[in-house]
Protein backbone atom coordinates (compact mmCIF):
# COMPACT_ATOMS: atom_id res chain seq x y z
CA MET A 1 -37.52 92.65 110.31
CA THR A 2 -37.50 93.97 113.40
CA SER A 3 -27.71 112.71 118.09
CA ASP A 4 -26.76 115.01 115.19
CA TYR A 5 -24.38 113.61 112.65
CA GLN A 6 -22.13 114.88 109.93
CA SER A 7 -24.21 114.00 106.97
CA ASP A 8 -21.94 114.02 103.95
CA SER A 9 -18.34 114.59 104.76
CA ASN A 10 -17.27 111.01 104.72
CA PHE A 11 -19.37 109.54 101.98
CA PRO A 12 -17.54 108.34 98.80
CA SER A 13 -18.30 110.04 95.60
CA GLN A 14 -20.93 108.72 93.16
CA SER A 15 -18.36 109.12 90.38
CA ARG A 16 -15.95 106.62 92.10
CA GLN A 17 -14.94 104.08 89.46
CA ASP A 18 -13.14 101.39 91.36
CA SER A 19 -14.99 98.25 92.23
CA PRO A 20 -15.99 98.57 95.91
CA ILE A 21 -15.52 95.68 98.34
CA THR A 22 -18.05 95.19 101.09
CA SER A 23 -15.82 96.29 104.03
CA ALA A 24 -14.79 99.46 102.17
CA LEU A 25 -18.07 100.46 100.59
CA PHE A 26 -18.58 103.17 103.24
CA ASN A 27 -16.00 104.97 105.24
CA CYS A 28 -16.25 103.91 108.93
CA ASN A 29 -14.15 104.41 112.06
CA TYR A 30 -14.65 100.89 113.21
CA LEU A 31 -13.52 97.48 111.85
CA PHE A 32 -16.32 94.90 112.27
CA PRO A 33 -15.31 91.34 112.66
CA LYS A 34 -16.36 88.70 110.25
CA PRO A 35 -19.55 86.97 111.59
CA ASP A 36 -18.35 83.42 111.06
CA VAL A 37 -15.05 84.21 113.02
CA ALA A 38 -16.65 86.18 115.90
CA ASP A 39 -19.72 83.96 116.13
CA PRO A 40 -18.70 80.40 114.90
CA GLU A 41 -21.62 78.82 116.87
CA GLY A 42 -24.18 80.93 114.96
CA LEU A 43 -25.80 82.57 117.89
CA GLY A 44 -26.13 85.86 116.05
CA LEU A 45 -24.24 88.28 118.28
CA VAL A 46 -21.05 89.54 116.52
CA ALA A 47 -19.87 92.69 118.10
CA ILE A 48 -20.52 95.27 120.85
CA GLY A 49 -19.90 99.03 120.82
CA ALA A 50 -19.29 101.60 118.09
CA ASP A 51 -21.95 104.23 117.33
CA LEU A 52 -25.02 104.86 115.18
CA SER A 53 -23.56 107.40 112.84
CA PRO A 54 -24.69 107.09 109.17
CA GLU A 55 -21.23 105.82 108.15
CA THR A 56 -21.21 103.19 110.83
CA LEU A 57 -24.69 101.95 110.05
CA LEU A 58 -24.16 101.73 106.37
CA SER A 59 -20.85 100.00 106.79
CA ALA A 60 -22.40 97.48 109.12
CA TYR A 61 -25.44 96.70 106.91
CA SER A 62 -23.14 96.26 103.87
CA GLN A 63 -21.30 93.59 105.90
CA GLY A 64 -24.48 91.83 107.05
CA LEU A 65 -24.80 93.35 110.49
CA PHE A 66 -27.57 95.36 112.09
CA PRO A 67 -27.90 97.06 115.59
CA TRP A 68 -30.42 95.47 118.09
CA SER A 69 -30.25 96.49 121.77
CA ASN A 70 -32.22 98.36 124.43
CA GLU A 71 -31.62 102.07 125.02
CA ASP A 72 -29.73 101.59 128.28
CA GLU A 73 -27.35 98.92 126.87
CA PRO A 74 -24.19 99.09 124.66
CA ILE A 75 -25.00 98.83 120.92
CA ALA A 76 -25.04 95.12 119.95
CA TRP A 77 -24.39 94.11 116.35
CA TRP A 78 -26.10 90.98 114.99
CA SER A 79 -25.82 88.66 112.05
CA PRO A 80 -28.38 85.92 112.36
CA GLU A 81 -27.83 82.26 111.47
CA PRO A 82 -29.81 81.53 109.39
CA ARG A 83 -31.04 84.70 107.66
CA CYS A 84 -34.63 85.33 106.91
CA VAL A 85 -34.98 86.61 103.29
CA LEU A 86 -37.45 87.11 100.56
CA ASP A 87 -37.17 87.31 96.79
CA PRO A 88 -39.64 90.01 95.88
CA SER A 89 -40.68 88.20 92.61
CA SER A 90 -41.70 85.17 94.54
CA PHE A 91 -44.08 86.92 96.98
CA ILE A 92 -47.67 85.58 96.62
CA PRO A 93 -50.31 87.25 98.73
CA SER A 94 -52.88 85.06 100.36
CA LYS A 95 -56.33 84.70 98.91
CA SER A 96 -57.83 86.58 101.86
CA LEU A 97 -55.41 89.45 101.41
CA LYS A 98 -56.23 89.57 97.74
CA ARG A 99 -59.94 89.80 98.51
CA LEU A 100 -59.33 92.57 100.90
CA ALA A 101 -57.25 94.53 98.54
CA LYS A 102 -59.80 94.25 95.70
CA ALA A 103 -62.50 95.69 97.86
CA SER A 104 -60.28 98.25 99.56
CA SER A 105 -60.30 102.11 99.15
CA TRP A 106 -56.94 102.30 100.87
CA HIS A 107 -53.90 103.85 99.34
CA TRP A 108 -50.16 103.20 99.75
CA SER A 109 -47.19 105.34 99.36
CA VAL A 110 -43.34 105.43 99.53
CA ASN A 111 -41.48 107.80 101.79
CA SER A 112 -44.50 110.03 102.50
CA ALA A 113 -44.36 109.78 106.20
CA PHE A 114 -41.06 108.24 107.39
CA GLU A 115 -40.94 109.90 110.80
CA GLU A 116 -44.64 108.93 111.48
CA VAL A 117 -43.87 105.30 110.49
CA ILE A 118 -40.75 104.85 112.58
CA HIS A 119 -42.35 106.48 115.63
CA ALA A 120 -45.37 104.13 115.24
CA CYS A 121 -43.00 101.09 114.96
CA SER A 122 -41.28 102.24 118.13
CA LEU A 123 -44.36 102.01 120.29
CA PRO A 124 -44.64 99.11 122.70
CA ARG A 125 -46.56 96.04 121.45
CA SER A 126 -49.27 94.13 123.17
CA TYR A 127 -46.78 91.28 123.87
CA ALA A 128 -43.84 93.48 125.06
CA GLU A 129 -43.58 96.75 127.04
CA ASP A 130 -40.03 97.47 125.96
CA THR A 131 -38.88 98.51 122.48
CA TRP A 132 -35.49 98.47 120.79
CA ILE A 133 -36.41 101.45 118.60
CA HIS A 134 -35.44 104.13 121.07
CA GLN A 135 -34.91 107.83 120.46
CA GLU A 136 -31.27 107.41 119.42
CA MET A 137 -32.32 104.82 116.89
CA ILE A 138 -35.05 107.01 115.59
CA GLN A 139 -32.68 109.90 115.12
CA ALA A 140 -30.13 107.70 113.34
CA TYR A 141 -32.50 106.19 110.80
CA THR A 142 -34.22 109.57 110.20
CA GLU A 143 -30.79 110.91 109.20
CA LEU A 144 -30.38 107.91 106.91
CA HIS A 145 -33.82 108.74 105.40
CA LYS A 146 -32.61 112.34 104.74
CA LEU A 147 -29.54 110.89 103.02
CA GLY A 148 -31.70 108.66 100.78
CA TYR A 149 -30.91 105.24 102.32
CA ALA A 150 -33.80 104.68 104.77
CA HIS A 151 -37.21 104.32 103.28
CA SER A 152 -40.79 103.87 104.54
CA PHE A 153 -43.96 102.34 103.05
CA GLU A 154 -47.24 103.70 104.21
CA VAL A 155 -50.89 102.51 104.09
CA TRP A 156 -53.60 105.12 104.23
CA GLU A 157 -57.39 105.11 104.91
CA ASP A 158 -58.22 108.66 103.60
CA LYS A 159 -55.85 110.88 105.45
CA ASN A 160 -55.18 108.40 108.33
CA LEU A 161 -52.02 106.35 108.56
CA ILE A 162 -53.11 102.83 109.35
CA GLY A 163 -49.98 100.74 108.70
CA GLY A 164 -46.51 100.73 107.42
CA LEU A 165 -42.90 99.56 107.58
CA TYR A 166 -39.44 100.99 107.20
CA GLY A 167 -35.86 99.78 106.41
CA LEU A 168 -32.71 100.56 104.47
CA LYS A 169 -31.97 100.20 100.79
CA ILE A 170 -28.32 99.80 99.77
CA GLY A 171 -27.85 98.96 96.14
CA GLN A 172 -30.25 96.13 95.21
CA ILE A 173 -31.10 94.91 98.68
CA TYR A 174 -33.74 96.27 101.08
CA PHE A 175 -33.10 95.61 104.80
CA GLY A 176 -36.42 95.53 106.55
CA GLU A 177 -36.47 96.79 110.04
CA SER A 178 -39.93 96.95 111.58
CA MET A 179 -43.58 97.18 110.64
CA PHE A 180 -46.91 98.27 112.45
CA HIS A 181 -50.59 98.27 111.89
CA ARG A 182 -53.53 100.19 113.26
CA GLN A 183 -56.05 98.21 111.25
CA SER A 184 -56.01 94.51 110.53
CA ASN A 185 -53.88 93.53 107.60
CA ALA A 186 -52.55 97.03 106.96
CA SER A 187 -48.89 95.92 107.70
CA LYS A 188 -49.39 93.00 105.30
CA VAL A 189 -50.54 95.40 102.62
CA ALA A 190 -47.44 97.51 103.14
CA PHE A 191 -45.35 94.41 102.84
CA TRP A 192 -47.07 93.50 99.51
CA ALA A 193 -46.52 97.07 98.28
CA LEU A 194 -42.79 96.76 99.18
CA ASN A 195 -42.45 93.53 97.19
CA ASN A 196 -44.38 95.04 94.17
CA PHE A 197 -42.12 98.12 94.34
CA CYS A 198 -38.88 96.18 94.64
CA GLN A 199 -39.68 94.08 91.51
CA HIS A 200 -39.81 97.24 89.35
CA THR A 201 -36.93 99.27 90.81
CA ASP A 202 -34.09 96.67 90.49
CA VAL A 203 -34.21 95.49 94.12
CA GLU A 204 -33.40 91.74 94.11
CA LEU A 205 -33.87 90.78 97.79
CA ILE A 206 -35.65 91.79 100.90
CA ASP A 207 -33.74 90.97 104.04
CA CYS A 208 -36.15 90.22 106.92
CA GLN A 209 -33.29 89.43 109.38
CA LEU A 210 -34.81 87.10 111.95
CA PRO A 211 -37.19 84.19 111.05
CA ASN A 212 -40.60 84.48 112.53
CA PRO A 213 -44.01 82.92 111.78
CA HIS A 214 -45.57 86.16 110.67
CA LEU A 215 -42.96 86.87 107.88
CA GLN A 216 -42.80 83.31 106.88
CA SER A 217 -46.62 83.25 106.43
CA LEU A 218 -45.94 86.15 103.96
CA GLY A 219 -43.51 83.99 101.95
CA ALA A 220 -40.20 84.64 103.58
CA GLY A 221 -37.70 81.78 103.71
CA ILE A 222 -34.39 81.18 105.25
CA MET A 223 -30.81 81.42 103.89
CA PRO A 224 -27.67 80.13 105.51
CA ARG A 225 -25.67 83.09 106.94
CA GLN A 226 -22.51 82.04 104.96
CA LEU A 227 -24.43 82.12 101.63
CA PHE A 228 -26.08 85.39 102.43
CA LEU A 229 -22.71 87.03 103.26
CA ALA A 230 -21.19 85.64 100.18
CA LYS A 231 -23.80 87.19 97.90
CA LEU A 232 -24.16 90.39 99.85
CA ASN A 233 -21.43 92.45 98.31
CA ASN A 234 -22.91 91.87 94.80
CA TRP A 235 -26.28 93.13 96.00
CA VAL A 236 -25.06 96.28 97.85
CA SER A 237 -22.54 97.36 95.17
CA ARG A 238 -24.99 97.51 92.27
CA PRO A 239 -27.27 100.57 91.62
CA SER A 240 -31.04 100.67 91.75
CA LEU A 241 -33.72 103.30 91.12
CA ASP A 242 -33.81 106.28 93.62
CA TRP A 243 -36.89 105.74 95.72
CA GLN A 244 -36.91 109.38 96.90
CA LEU A 245 -38.43 110.26 93.55
CA PHE A 246 -41.73 108.61 94.35
CA SER A 247 -42.47 110.40 97.71
CA ASP A 248 -45.21 112.58 96.29
CA LYS A 249 -47.28 109.77 94.81
CA ARG A 250 -50.04 107.59 96.22
CA TYR A 251 -51.21 104.31 94.74
CA LEU A 252 -54.47 102.41 95.05
CA VAL A 253 -54.30 99.31 97.09
CA ASN A 254 -56.78 97.61 94.97
CA GLN A 255 -54.33 97.91 91.98
CA LEU A 256 -52.03 95.50 93.82
CA ALA A 257 -54.57 92.76 93.40
CA HIS A 258 -55.47 93.44 89.73
CA THR A 259 -52.16 93.87 88.08
CA THR A 260 -48.47 93.16 88.20
CA ALA A 261 -47.67 95.92 85.74
CA PRO A 262 -44.82 98.22 86.71
CA ILE A 263 -46.13 100.85 88.96
CA LEU A 264 -43.48 103.11 87.50
CA SER A 265 -45.75 103.48 84.50
CA GLN A 266 -48.12 105.56 86.75
CA THR A 267 -45.42 107.93 87.84
CA PRO A 268 -44.54 110.97 85.60
CA ASN A 269 -40.86 110.97 84.37
CA ALA A 270 -40.14 107.67 85.99
CA ALA A 271 -38.76 106.27 82.82
CA SER A 272 -35.93 108.88 82.91
CA ALA A 273 -35.41 108.76 86.67
CA PRO A 274 -31.75 108.43 87.74
CA PHE A 275 -30.41 105.34 89.38
CA PHE A 276 -29.21 105.59 92.98
CA SER A 277 -25.73 104.21 93.55
CA ALA A 278 -24.85 102.40 96.78
CA THR A 279 -22.11 105.05 97.29
CA HIS A 280 -24.28 108.07 96.41
CA PRO A 281 -23.85 110.96 98.85
CA ASN A 282 -27.54 111.94 98.32
CA ARG A 283 -29.19 115.25 98.96
CA LYS A 284 -30.20 116.53 102.36
CA ASP A 285 -33.55 117.93 101.56
C-alpha cells in the first residue's frame, strides 16, 4: 500500500451484458504478460513500459499489476509474491487505537480532499528523500478519481487534514496505494475507517500490495500470488456501491469505536444509492 487523458472514449458501457474476463475488462493498448510466466521466480517485476492512461491503469490493476518506479525511470509493473491483503470484516483495531478513538473529536470522510491526500502522500518521508508518487502519477490517479475509480479517506481535526490514504476501487476490491499522517495514529484511523466503509459497501478485500510490519500490525496478512490472481477476476467484475455519493459527509471518529452498525444509515438516500459497476464509464464532475 504504497498528462491529460481521454477520459471516457474507450470505457465499456455499463449496460454491457456479457461476462467480462480480467484481461478484457477495460480496453487497453497493451497486452500485459501473466505474472507467473514473466516472473516465475516471484521477484515481483512483471513488465516495463506502457503508459499511465486510465485505460492502462485499470487494465493492469484488474490483472493484478500496479506501477511502481521513480519519475526518471521507465514505468515498471509489479505483482508481488506473496500479496499483502486484508479482509475488511476481520480488521480488529488495537486497544490503544480504540481508546484514542473513543476520546477523539476528529472526523473522517470519503473523497472530500483527494488531491490534498495524494499530494500529502507524495511528500518525502523521514526515512527516504525520494518518492515514487511523482507528478505524472498524481495526474493519472487524479483523473481516475474524476472517473470514479480512485478514492481517498481523510481524517480531520476541525478543518485541518491530519491524515489519510488513497487507492483504487474496482468492483469489490480496494487497491490501497499510500497513506500519510500529520498527527500520530491519524493514518491508522483512516485505515480503520476504510475497513468499516468497505464492510458496508460490498467491498470484500483490501489489497495492501507489499507486506510490511506497519500493515501487518493493523491486521493484514499474506496470500500467495497464484491464489490472489485466481480470485481477482471475481472481485473486480462484481458491482459495489458508488463511493462518490458519500463525498459531502463527515463521520465522527469516536463512532468507529462504539458501533459496527452500517455507516450508510447515517447518510441520506444511501438505501437507494446506485451500485457502481466495474465497467461504469462514470461522470467527469
